[in-house]
Amino acid sequence: MQASPTSFGAGPVTFLISNQSHAAQRVTFETQDVGAASPGGVTESTPDIRPLGTATLQVEVEDPGTYSLHVQSSTIKPAQLRVGRARRSAQDDLLQP
């Protein structure tokens, strides 16, 4: 599995996922840090994604740390993601040319 970028700041994240395999896959994003600030950490999954299909996965990541993006298949290596401190919001910024 490939992810880009592999590091980003905490906050809302949307993954656009493309299943390039020949079998349906369910993608899971979860914390790997033992002792993370949030009890139980984060675990969010997509529904099954058909072969050569796409899906999105939206996650609210609150805690910095190491996360994994993976599928059930042992033949597909998981992606390791680093989440840093929270990003500054641009919600109230006026965009100008």
PDB file of N, CA and C in Angstrom:
ATOM      1  N   MET A   1       0.845  -1.163   0.000  1.00  0.00           N
ATOM      2  CA  MET A   1       0.000   0.000   0.000  1.00  0.00           C
ATOM      3  C   MET A   1       0.894   1.230   0.000  1.00  0.00           C
ATOM      4  N   GLN A   2       0.501   2.239  -0.755  1.00  0.00           N
ATOM      5  CA  GLN A   2       1.250   3.484  -0.813  1.00  0.00           C
ATOM      6  C   GLN A   2       0.352   4.617  -0.349  1.00  0.00           C
ATOM      7  N   ALA A   3       0.927   5.553   0.386  1.00  0.00           N
ATOM      8  CA  ALA A   3       0.198   6.736   0.835  1.00  0.00           C
ATOM      9  C   ALA A   3       1.073   7.957   0.570  1.00  0.00           C
ATOM     10  N   SER A   4       0.430   9.052   0.207  1.00  0.00           N
ATOM     11  CA  SER A   4       1.163  10.288  -0.021  1.00  0.00           C
ATOM     12  C   SER A   4       0.263  11.460   0.352  1.00  0.00           C
ATOM     13  N   PRO A   5       0.706  12.330   1.230  1.00  0.00           N
ATOM     14  CA  PRO A   5       1.971  12.308   1.938  1.00  0.00           C
ATOM     15  C   PRO A   5       1.933  11.291   3.085  1.00  0.00           C
ATOM     16  N   THR A   6       3.096  10.960   3.624  1.00  0.00           N
ATOM     17  CA  THR A   6       3.155   9.991   4.726  1.00  0.00           C
ATOM     18  C   THR A   6       3.218  10.683   6.078  1.00  0.00           C
ATOM     19  N   SER A   7       3.272  12.008   6.087  1.00  0.00           N
ATOM     20  CA  SER A   7       3.204  12.744   7.348  1.00  0.00           C
ATOM     21  C   SER A   7       2.363  13.997   7.135  1.00  0.00           C
ATOM     22  N   PHE A   8       1.605  14.332   8.169  1.00  0.00           N
ATOM     23  CA  PHE A   8       0.702  15.489   8.114  1.00  0.00           C
ATOM     24  C   PHE A   8       0.309  15.856   9.533  1.00  0.00           C
ATOM     25  N   GLY A   9      -0.295  17.022   9.697  1.00  0.00           N
ATOM     26  CA  GLY A   9      -0.705  17.480  11.015  1.00  0.00           C
ATOM     27  C   GLY A   9      -2.058  16.920  11.419  1.00  0.00           C
ATOM     28  N   ALA A  10      -2.288  16.857  12.726  1.00  0.00           N
ATOM     29  CA  ALA A  10      -3.558  16.361  13.260  1.00  0.00           C
ATOM     30  C   ALA A  10      -4.705  17.254  12.794  1.00  0.00           C
ATOM     31  N   GLY A  11      -5.890  16.667  12.727  1.00  0.00           N
ATOM     32  CA  GLY A  11      -7.083  17.378  12.282  1.00  0.00           C
ATOM     33  C   GLY A  11      -7.884  16.495  11.361  1.00  0.00           C
ATOM     34  N   PRO A  12      -8.855  17.055  10.650  1.00  0.00           N
ATOM     35  CA  PRO A  12      -9.649  16.255   9.723  1.00  0.00           C
ATOM     36  C   PRO A  12      -8.818  15.832   8.517  1.00  0.00           C
ATOM     37  N   VAL A  13      -8.930  14.555   8.146  1.00  0.00           N
ATOM     38  CA  VAL A  13      -8.176  14.004   7.021  1.00  0.00           C
ATOM     39  C   VAL A  13      -9.139  13.221   6.133  1.00  0.00           C
ATOM     40  N   THR A  14      -9.011  13.394   4.828  1.00  0.00           N
ATOM     41  CA  THR A  14      -9.783  12.605   3.868  1.00  0.00           C
ATOM     42  C   THR A  14      -8.804  11.844   2.989  1.00  0.00           C
ATOM     43  N   PHE A  15      -8.927  10.524   3.005  1.00  0.00           N
ATOM     44  CA  PHE A  15      -8.103   9.665   2.152  1.00  0.00           C
ATOM     45  C   PHE A  15      -8.907   9.310   0.914  1.00  0.00           C
ATOM     46  N   LEU A  16      -8.313   9.455  -0.257  1.00  0.00           N
ATOM     47  CA  LEU A  16      -8.898   8.976  -1.504  1.00  0.00           C
ATOM     48  C   LEU A  16      -8.173   7.676  -1.815  1.00  0.00           C
ATOM     49  N   ILE A  17      -8.906   6.578  -1.848  1.00  0.00           N
ATOM     50  CA  ILE A  17      -8.314   5.248  -1.941  1.00  0.00           C
ATOM     51  C   ILE A  17      -8.680   4.608  -3.272  1.00  0.00           C
ATOM     52  N   SER A  18      -7.683   4.049  -3.934  1.00  0.00           N
ATOM     53  CA  SER A  18      -7.867   3.327  -5.187  1.00  0.00           C
ATOM     54  C   SER A  18      -7.434   1.885  -4.966  1.00  0.00           C
ATOM     55  N   ASN A  19      -8.331   0.943  -5.195  1.00  0.00           N
ATOM     56  CA  ASN A  19      -8.021  -0.478  -5.049  1.00  0.00           C
ATOM     57  C   ASN A  19      -7.448  -0.979  -6.364  1.00  0.00           C
ATOM     58  N   GLN A  20      -6.146  -1.176  -6.407  1.00  0.00           N
ATOM     59  CA  GLN A  20      -5.473  -1.624  -7.618  1.00  0.00           C
ATOM     60  C   GLN A  20      -5.300  -3.141  -7.657  1.00  0.00           C
ATOM     61  N   SER A  21      -5.934  -3.851  -6.721  1.00  0.00           N
ATOM     62  CA  SER A  21      -5.826  -5.311  -6.693  1.00  0.00           C
ATOM     63  C   SER A  21      -6.991  -5.932  -7.475  1.00  0.00           C
ATOM     64  N   HIS A  22      -6.982  -7.241  -7.533  1.00  0.00           N
ATOM     65  CA  HIS A  22      -8.045  -7.956  -8.242  1.00  0.00           C
ATOM     66  C   HIS A  22      -9.035  -8.596  -7.286  1.00  0.00           C
ATOM     67  N   ALA A  23      -9.048  -8.116  -6.037  1.00  0.00           N
ATOM     68  CA  ALA A  23      -9.986  -8.612  -5.023  1.00  0.00           C
ATOM     69  C   ALA A  23     -10.549  -7.422  -4.256  1.00  0.00           C
ATOM     70  N   ALA A  24     -11.756  -7.565  -3.753  1.00  0.00           N
ATOM     71  CA  ALA A  24     -12.340  -6.512  -2.926  1.00  0.00           C
ATOM     72  C   ALA A  24     -11.479  -6.327  -1.676  1.00  0.00           C
ATOM     73  N   GLN A  25     -11.295  -5.077  -1.257  1.00  0.00           N
ATOM     74  CA  GLN A  25     -10.468  -4.772  -0.088  1.00  0.00           C
ATOM     75  C   GLN A  25     -11.196  -3.792   0.820  1.00  0.00           C
ATOM     76  N   ARG A  26     -11.010  -3.961   2.116  1.00  0.00           N
ATOM     77  CA  ARG A  26     -11.494  -3.002   3.115  1.00  0.00           C
ATOM     78  C   ARG A  26     -10.253  -2.354   3.716  1.00  0.00           C
ATOM     79  N   VAL A  27     -10.149  -1.032   3.623  1.00  0.00           N
ATOM     80  CA  VAL A  27      -8.980  -0.298   4.114  1.00  0.00           C
ATOM     81  C   VAL A  27      -9.289   0.231   5.509  1.00  0.00           C
ATOM     82  N   THR A  28      -8.327   0.044   6.418  1.00  0.00           N
ATOM     83  CA  THR A  28      -8.477   0.490   7.808  1.00  0.00           C
ATOM     84  C   THR A  28      -7.356   1.452   8.169  1.00  0.00           C
ATOM     85  N   PHE A  29      -7.726   2.549   8.820  1.00  0.00           N
ATOM     86  CA  PHE A  29      -6.783   3.525   9.361  1.00  0.00           C
ATOM     87  C   PHE A  29      -6.854   3.385  10.868  1.00  0.00           C
ATOM     88  N   GLU A  30      -5.704   3.133  11.521  1.00  0.00           N
ATOM     89  CA  GLU A  30      -5.744   3.011  12.982  1.00  0.00           C
ATOM     90  C   GLU A  30      -4.433   3.415  13.618  1.00  0.00           C
ATOM     91  N   THR A  31      -4.530   3.756  14.895  1.00  0.00           N
ATOM     92  CA  THR A  31      -3.359   4.146  15.658  1.00  0.00           C
ATOM     93  C   THR A  31      -2.473   2.941  15.915  1.00  0.00           C
ATOM     94  N   GLN A  32      -1.165   3.193  15.962  1.00  0.00           N
ATOM     95  CA  GLN A  32      -0.214   2.137  16.301  1.00  0.00           C
ATOM     96  C   GLN A  32       0.501   2.455  17.594  1.00  0.00           C
ATOM     97  N   ASP A  33       0.312   3.658  18.128  1.00  0.00           N
ATOM     98  CA  ASP A  33       1.022   4.073  19.331  1.00  0.00           C
ATOM     99  C   ASP A  33       0.395   3.467  20.577  1.00  0.00           C
ATOM    100  N   VAL A  34       1.210   2.785  21.354  1.00  0.00           N
ATOM    101  CA  VAL A  34       0.753   2.271  22.640  1.00  0.00           C
ATOM    102  C   VAL A  34       0.755   3.445  23.604  1.00  0.00           C
ATOM    103  N   GLY A  35      -0.320   3.587  24.364  1.00  0.00           N
ATOM    104  CA  GLY A  35      -0.411   4.681  25.319  1.00  0.00           C
ATOM    105  C   GLY A  35      -0.772   6.004  24.684  1.00  0.00           C
ATOM    106  N   ALA A  36      -1.464   5.978  23.558  1.00  0.00           N
ATOM    107  CA  ALA A  36      -1.901   7.219  22.906  1.00  0.00           C
ATOM    108  C   ALA A  36      -2.817   7.986  23.850  1.00  0.00           C
ATOM    109  N   ALA A  37      -2.906   9.308  23.657  1.00  0.00           N
ATOM    110  CA  ALA A  37      -3.700  10.157  24.549  1.00  0.00           C
ATOM    111  C   ALA A  37      -5.174   9.764  24.569  1.00  0.00           C
ATOM    112  N   SER A  38      -5.715   9.341  23.428  1.00  0.00           N
ATOM    113  CA  SER A  38      -7.117   8.925  23.372  1.00  0.00           C
ATOM    114  C   SER A  38      -7.215   7.439  23.707  1.00  0.00           C
ATOM    115  N   PRO A  39      -8.004   7.066  24.729  1.00  0.00           N
ATOM    116  CA  PRO A  39      -8.121   5.647  25.055  1.00  0.00           C
ATOM    117  C   PRO A  39      -8.653   4.856  23.865  1.00  0.00           C
ATOM    118  N   GLY A  40      -8.007   3.766  23.535  1.00  0.00           N
ATOM    119  CA  GLY A  40      -8.460   2.942  22.418  1.00  0.00           C
ATOM    120  C   GLY A  40      -7.991   3.432  21.075  1.00  0.00           C
ATOM    121  N   GLY A  41      -7.472   4.654  21.004  1.00  0.00           N
ATOM    122  CA  GLY A  41      -6.964   5.177  19.743  1.00  0.00           C
ATOM    123  C   GLY A  41      -8.055   5.375  18.710  1.00  0.00           C
ATOM    124  N   VAL A  42      -7.639   5.380  17.447  1.00  0.00           N
ATOM    125  CA  VAL A  42      -8.536   5.623  16.318  1.00  0.00           C
ATOM    126  C   VAL A  42      -8.570   4.374  15.442  1.00  0.00           C
ATOM    127  N   THR A  43      -9.753   3.938  15.060  1.00  0.00           N
ATOM    128  CA  THR A  43      -9.897   2.869  14.076  1.00  0.00           C
ATOM    129  C   THR A  43     -11.093   3.215  13.199  1.00  0.00           C
ATOM    130  N   GLU A  44     -10.832   3.445  11.924  1.00  0.00           N
ATOM    131  CA  GLU A  44     -11.878   3.745  10.944  1.00  0.00           C
ATOM    132  C   GLU A  44     -11.622   2.904   9.713  1.00  0.00           C
ATOM    133  N   SER A  45     -12.683   2.354   9.116  1.00  0.00           N
ATOM    134  CA  SER A  45     -12.535   1.502   7.933  1.00  0.00           C
ATOM    135  C   SER A  45     -13.512   1.899   6.840  1.00  0.00           C
ATOM    136  N   THR A  46     -13.134   1.587   5.617  1.00  0.00           N
ATOM    137  CA  THR A  46     -14.031   1.759   4.476  1.00  0.00           C
ATOM    138  C   THR A  46     -14.924   0.530   4.380  1.00  0.00           C
ATOM    139  N   PRO A  47     -16.024   0.616   3.646  1.00  0.00           N
ATOM    140  CA  PRO A  47     -16.707  -0.612   3.239  1.00  0.00           C
ATOM    141  C   PRO A  47     -15.795  -1.333   2.238  1.00  0.00           C
ATOM    142  N   ASP A  48     -16.154  -2.538   1.838  1.00  0.00           N
ATOM    143  CA  ASP A  48     -15.365  -3.242   0.823  1.00  0.00           C
ATOM    144  C   ASP A  48     -15.303  -2.404  -0.452  1.00  0.00           C
ATOM    145  N   ILE A  49     -14.097  -2.285  -0.999  1.00  0.00           N
ATOM    146  CA  ILE A  49     -13.877  -1.549  -2.249  1.00  0.00           C
ATOM    147  C   ILE A  49     -13.677  -2.579  -3.347  1.00  0.00           C
ATOM    148  N   ARG A  50     -14.489  -2.528  -4.366  1.00  0.00           N
ATOM    149  CA  ARG A  50     -14.412  -3.520  -5.451  1.00  0.00           C
ATOM    150  C   ARG A  50     -13.078  -3.399  -6.178  1.00  0.00           C
ATOM    151  N   PRO A  51     -12.653  -4.455  -6.854  1.00  0.00           N
ATOM    152  CA  PRO A  51     -11.403  -4.398  -7.606  1.00  0.00           C
ATOM    153  C   PRO A  51     -11.395  -3.234  -8.595  1.00  0.00           C
ATOM    154  N   LEU A  52     -10.299  -2.503  -8.615  1.00  0.00           N
ATOM    155  CA  LEU A  52     -10.092  -1.333  -9.464  1.00  0.00           C
ATOM    156  C   LEU A  52     -11.078  -0.202  -9.167  1.00  0.00           C
ATOM    157  N   GLY A  53     -11.743  -0.254  -8.003  1.00  0.00           N
ATOM    158  CA  GLY A  53     -12.678   0.789  -7.582  1.00  0.00           C
ATOM    159  C   GLY A  53     -12.008   1.800  -6.670  1.00  0.00           C
ATOM    160  N   THR A  54     -12.770   2.832  -6.280  1.00  0.00           N
ATOM    161  CA  THR A  54     -12.265   3.869  -5.387  1.00  0.00           C
ATOM    162  C   THR A  54     -13.228   4.078  -4.225  1.00  0.00           C
ATOM    163  N   ALA A  55     -12.700   4.696  -3.171  1.00  0.00           N
ATOM    164  CA  ALA A  55     -13.507   5.054  -2.004  1.00  0.00           C
ATOM    165  C   ALA A  55     -12.812   6.199  -1.286  1.00  0.00           C
ATOM    166  N   THR A  56     -13.529   6.862  -0.400  1.00  0.00           N
ATOM    167  CA  THR A  56     -12.925   7.866   0.469  1.00  0.00           C
ATOM    168  C   THR A  56     -13.115   7.430   1.913  1.00  0.00           C
ATOM    169  N   LEU A  57     -12.183   7.849   2.738  1.00  0.00           N
ATOM    170  CA  LEU A  57     -12.240   7.566   4.167  1.00  0.00           C
ATOM    171  C   LEU A  57     -11.932   8.863   4.890  1.00  0.00           C
ATOM    172  N   GLN A  58     -12.893   9.352   5.687  1.00  0.00           N
ATOM    173  CA  GLN A  58     -12.708  10.588   6.433  1.00  0.00           C
ATOM    174  C   GLN A  58     -12.480  10.253   7.891  1.00  0.00           C
ATOM    175  N   VAL A  59     -11.429  10.846   8.457  1.00  0.00           N
ATOM    176  CA  VAL A  59     -11.039  10.562   9.832  1.00  0.00           C
ATOM    177  C   VAL A  59     -10.703  11.876  10.528  1.00  0.00           C
ATOM    178  N   GLU A  60     -11.093  12.003  11.787  1.00  0.00           N
ATOM    179  CA  GLU A  60     -10.693  13.128  12.622  1.00  0.00           C
ATOM    180  C   GLU A  60      -9.557  12.622  13.508  1.00  0.00           C
ATOM    181  N   VAL A  61      -8.332  13.032  13.179  1.00  0.00           N
ATOM    182  CA  VAL A  61      -7.154  12.587  13.925  1.00  0.00           C
ATOM    183  C   VAL A  61      -6.812  13.662  14.946  1.00  0.00           C
ATOM    184  N   GLU A  62      -6.949  13.327  16.221  1.00  0.00           N
ATOM    185  CA  GLU A  62      -6.733  14.321  17.277  1.00  0.00           C
ATOM    186  C   GLU A  62      -5.342  14.263  17.890  1.00  0.00           C
ATOM    187  N   ASP A  63      -4.716  13.083  17.892  1.00  0.00           N
ATOM    188  CA  ASP A  63      -3.449  12.911  18.590  1.00  0.00           C
ATOM    189  C   ASP A  63      -2.292  12.669  17.638  1.00  0.00           C
ATOM    190  N   PRO A  64      -1.164  13.373  17.846  1.00  0.00           N
ATOM    191  CA  PRO A  64       0.033  13.061  17.074  1.00  0.00           C
ATOM    192  C   PRO A  64       0.498  11.637  17.378  1.00  0.00           C
ATOM    193  N   GLY A  65       1.178  11.033  16.420  1.00  0.00           N
ATOM    194  CA  GLY A  65       1.713   9.694  16.630  1.00  0.00           C
ATOM    195  C   GLY A  65       1.845   8.946  15.323  1.00  0.00           C
ATOM    196  N   THR A  66       2.029   7.636  15.443  1.00  0.00           N
ATOM    197  CA  THR A  66       2.184   6.764  14.280  1.00  0.00           C
ATOM    198  C   THR A  66       0.880   6.029  14.026  1.00  0.00           C
ATOM    199  N   TYR A  67       0.457   6.010  12.765  1.00  0.00           N
ATOM    200  CA  TYR A  67      -0.785   5.365  12.366  1.00  0.00           C
ATOM    201  C   TYR A  67      -0.504   4.402  11.219  1.00  0.00           C
ATOM    202  N   SER A  68      -1.419   3.471  11.011  1.00  0.00           N
ATOM    203  CA  SER A  68      -1.283   2.482   9.948  1.00  0.00           C
ATOM    204  C   SER A  68      -2.488   2.566   9.027  1.00  0.00           C
ATOM    205  N   LEU A  69      -2.244   2.424   7.746  1.00  0.00           N
ATOM    206  CA  LEU A  69      -3.297   2.319   6.742  1.00  0.00           C
ATOM    207  C   LEU A  69      -3.095   0.953   6.115  1.00  0.00           C
ATOM    208  N   HIS A  70      -4.062   0.027   6.319  1.00  0.00           N
ATOM    209  CA  HIS A  70      -3.833  -1.353   5.907  1.00  0.00           C
ATOM    210  C   HIS A  70      -5.117  -2.051   5.475  1.00  0.00           C
ATOM    211  N   VAL A  71      -4.944  -3.226   4.867  1.00  0.00           N
ATOM    212  CA  VAL A  71      -6.047  -4.105   4.468  1.00  0.00           C
ATOM    213  C   VAL A  71      -5.857  -5.444   5.175  1.00  0.00           C
ATOM    214  N   GLN A  72      -6.850  -6.329   5.049  1.00  0.00           N
ATOM    215  CA  GLN A  72      -6.779  -7.634   5.714  1.00  0.00           C
ATOM    216  C   GLN A  72      -5.734  -8.548   5.082  1.00  0.00           C
ATOM    217  N   SER A  73      -5.454  -8.400   3.808  1.00  0.00           N
ATOM    218  CA  SER A  73      -4.538  -9.279   3.085  1.00  0.00           C
ATOM    219  C   SER A  73      -3.116  -9.153   3.621  1.00  0.00           C
ATOM    220  N   SER A  74      -2.491 -10.283   3.932  1.00  0.00           N
ATOM    221  CA  SER A  74      -1.117 -10.266   4.427  1.00  0.00           C
ATOM    222  C   SER A  74      -0.106 -10.041   3.300  1.00  0.00           C
ATOM    223  N   THR A  75      -0.552 -10.113   2.055  1.00  0.00           N
ATOM    224  CA  THR A  75       0.360  -9.905   0.929  1.00  0.00           C
ATOM    225  C   THR A  75       0.518  -8.429   0.568  1.00  0.00           C
ATOM    226  N   ILE A  76      -0.317  -7.565   1.145  1.00  0.00           N
ATOM    227  CA  ILE A  76      -0.227  -6.123   0.883  1.00  0.00           C
ATOM    228  C   ILE A  76       0.333  -5.453   2.130  1.00  0.00           C
ATOM    229  N   LYS A  77       1.530  -4.888   2.003  1.00  0.00           N
ATOM    230  CA  LYS A  77       2.223  -4.263   3.125  1.00  0.00           C
ATOM    231  C   LYS A  77       1.520  -2.963   3.531  1.00  0.00           C
ATOM    232  N   PRO A  78       1.286  -2.748   4.830  1.00  0.00           N
ATOM    233  CA  PRO A  78       0.612  -1.524   5.273  1.00  0.00           C
ATOM    234  C   PRO A  78       1.478  -0.279   5.071  1.00  0.00           C
ATOM    235  N   ALA A  79       0.817   0.871   4.988  1.00  0.00           N
ATOM    236  CA  ALA A  79       1.511   2.160   4.933  1.00  0.00           C
ATOM    237  C   ALA A  79       1.598   2.707   6.350  1.00  0.00           C
ATOM    238  N   GLN A  80       2.762   3.224   6.714  1.00  0.00           N
ATOM    239  CA  GLN A  80       2.963   3.844   8.016  1.00  0.00           C
ATOM    240  C   GLN A  80       2.846   5.357   7.848  1.00  0.00           C
ATOM    241  N   LEU A  81       2.044   5.992   8.685  1.00  0.00           N
ATOM    242  CA  LEU A  81       1.803   7.434   8.604  1.00  0.00           C
ATOM    243  C   LEU A  81       2.175   8.099   9.921  1.00  0.00           C
ATOM    244  N   ARG A  82       2.823   9.260   9.840  1.00  0.00           N
ATOM    245  CA  ARG A  82       3.171  10.037  11.025  1.00  0.00           C
ATOM    246  C   ARG A  82       2.264  11.262  11.075  1.00  0.00           C
ATOM    247  N   VAL A  83       1.623  11.435  12.208  1.00  0.00           N
ATOM    248  CA  VAL A  83       0.754  12.588  12.413  1.00  0.00           C
ATOM    249  C   VAL A  83       1.425  13.502  13.432  1.00  0.00           C
ATOM    250  N   GLY A  84       1.597  14.763  13.049  1.00  0.00           N
ATOM    251  CA  GLY A  84       2.220  15.757  13.920  1.00  0.00           C
ATOM    252  C   GLY A  84       1.176  16.569  14.668  1.00  0.00           C
ATOM    253  N   ARG A  85       1.619  17.679  15.211  1.00  0.00           N
ATOM    254  CA  ARG A  85       0.690  18.536  15.973  1.00  0.00           C
ATOM    255  C   ARG A  85      -0.388  19.096  15.052  1.00  0.00           C
ATOM    256  N   ALA A  86      -1.454  19.586  15.663  1.00  0.00           N
ATOM    257  CA  ALA A  86      -2.621  20.057  14.911  1.00  0.00           C
ATOM    258  C   ALA A  86      -2.243  21.173  13.931  1.00  0.00           C
ATOM    259  N   ARG A  87      -2.866  21.118  12.766  1.00  0.00           N
ATOM    260  CA  ARG A  87      -2.655  22.146  11.744  1.00  0.00           C
ATOM    261  C   ARG A  87      -3.481  23.388  12.097  1.00  0.00           C
ATOM    262  N   ARG A  88      -2.990  24.527  11.667  1.00  0.00           N
ATOM    263  CA  ARG A  88      -3.728  25.776  11.836  1.00  0.00           C
ATOM    264  C   ARG A  88      -4.917  25.771  10.889  1.00  0.00           C
ATOM    265  N   SER A  89      -6.062  26.206  11.380  1.00  0.00           N
ATOM    266  CA  SER A  89      -7.263  26.254  10.543  1.00  0.00           C
ATOM    267  C   SER A  89      -7.207  27.446   9.600  1.00  0.00           C
ATOM    268  N   ALA A  90      -7.668  27.246   8.384  1.00  0.00           N
ATOM    269  CA  ALA A  90      -7.768  28.329   7.414  1.00  0.00           C
ATOM    270  C   ALA A  90      -9.233  28.642   7.125  1.00  0.00           C
ATOM    271  N   GLN A  91     -10.113  28.189   7.989  1.00  0.00           N
ATOM    272  CA  GLN A  91     -11.554  28.299   7.748  1.00  0.00           C
ATOM    273  C   GLN A  91     -12.016  29.730   7.590  1.00  0.00           C
ATOM    274  N   ASP A  92     -11.462  30.668   8.351  1.00  0.00           N
ATOM    275  CA  ASP A  92     -11.920  32.048   8.293  1.00  0.00           C
ATOM    276  C   ASP A  92     -11.006  32.948   7.458  1.00  0.00           C
ATOM    277  N   ASP A  93     -10.074  32.359   6.704  1.00  0.00           N
ATOM    278  CA  ASP A  93      -9.164  33.157   5.878  1.00  0.00           C
ATOM    279  C   ASP A  93      -9.813  33.488   4.541  1.00  0.00           C
ATOM    280  N   LEU A  94      -9.659  34.725   4.127  1.00  0.00           N
ATOM    281  CA  LEU A  94     -10.170  35.162   2.841  1.00  0.00           C
ATOM    282  C   LEU A  94      -9.132  34.841   1.770  1.00  0.00           C
ATOM    283  N   LEU A  95      -9.529  34.099   0.747  1.00  0.00           N
ATOM    284  CA  LEU A  95      -8.615  33.777  -0.339  1.00  0.00           C
ATOM    285  C   LEU A  95      -8.641  34.885  -1.375  1.00  0.00           C
ATOM    286  N   GLN A  96      -7.465  35.387  -1.726  1.00  0.00           N
ATOM    287  CA  GLN A  96      -7.374  36.450  -2.717  1.00  0.00           C
ATOM    288  C   GLN A  96      -6.421  36.023  -3.824  1.00  0.00           C
ATOM    289  N   PRO A  97      -6.663  36.525  -5.058  1.00  0.00           N
ATOM    290  CA  PRO A  97      -5.767  36.142  -6.164  1.00  0.00           C
ATOM    291  C   PRO A  97      -4.363  36.681  -5.985  1.00  0.00           C
TER     292      PRO A  97
END
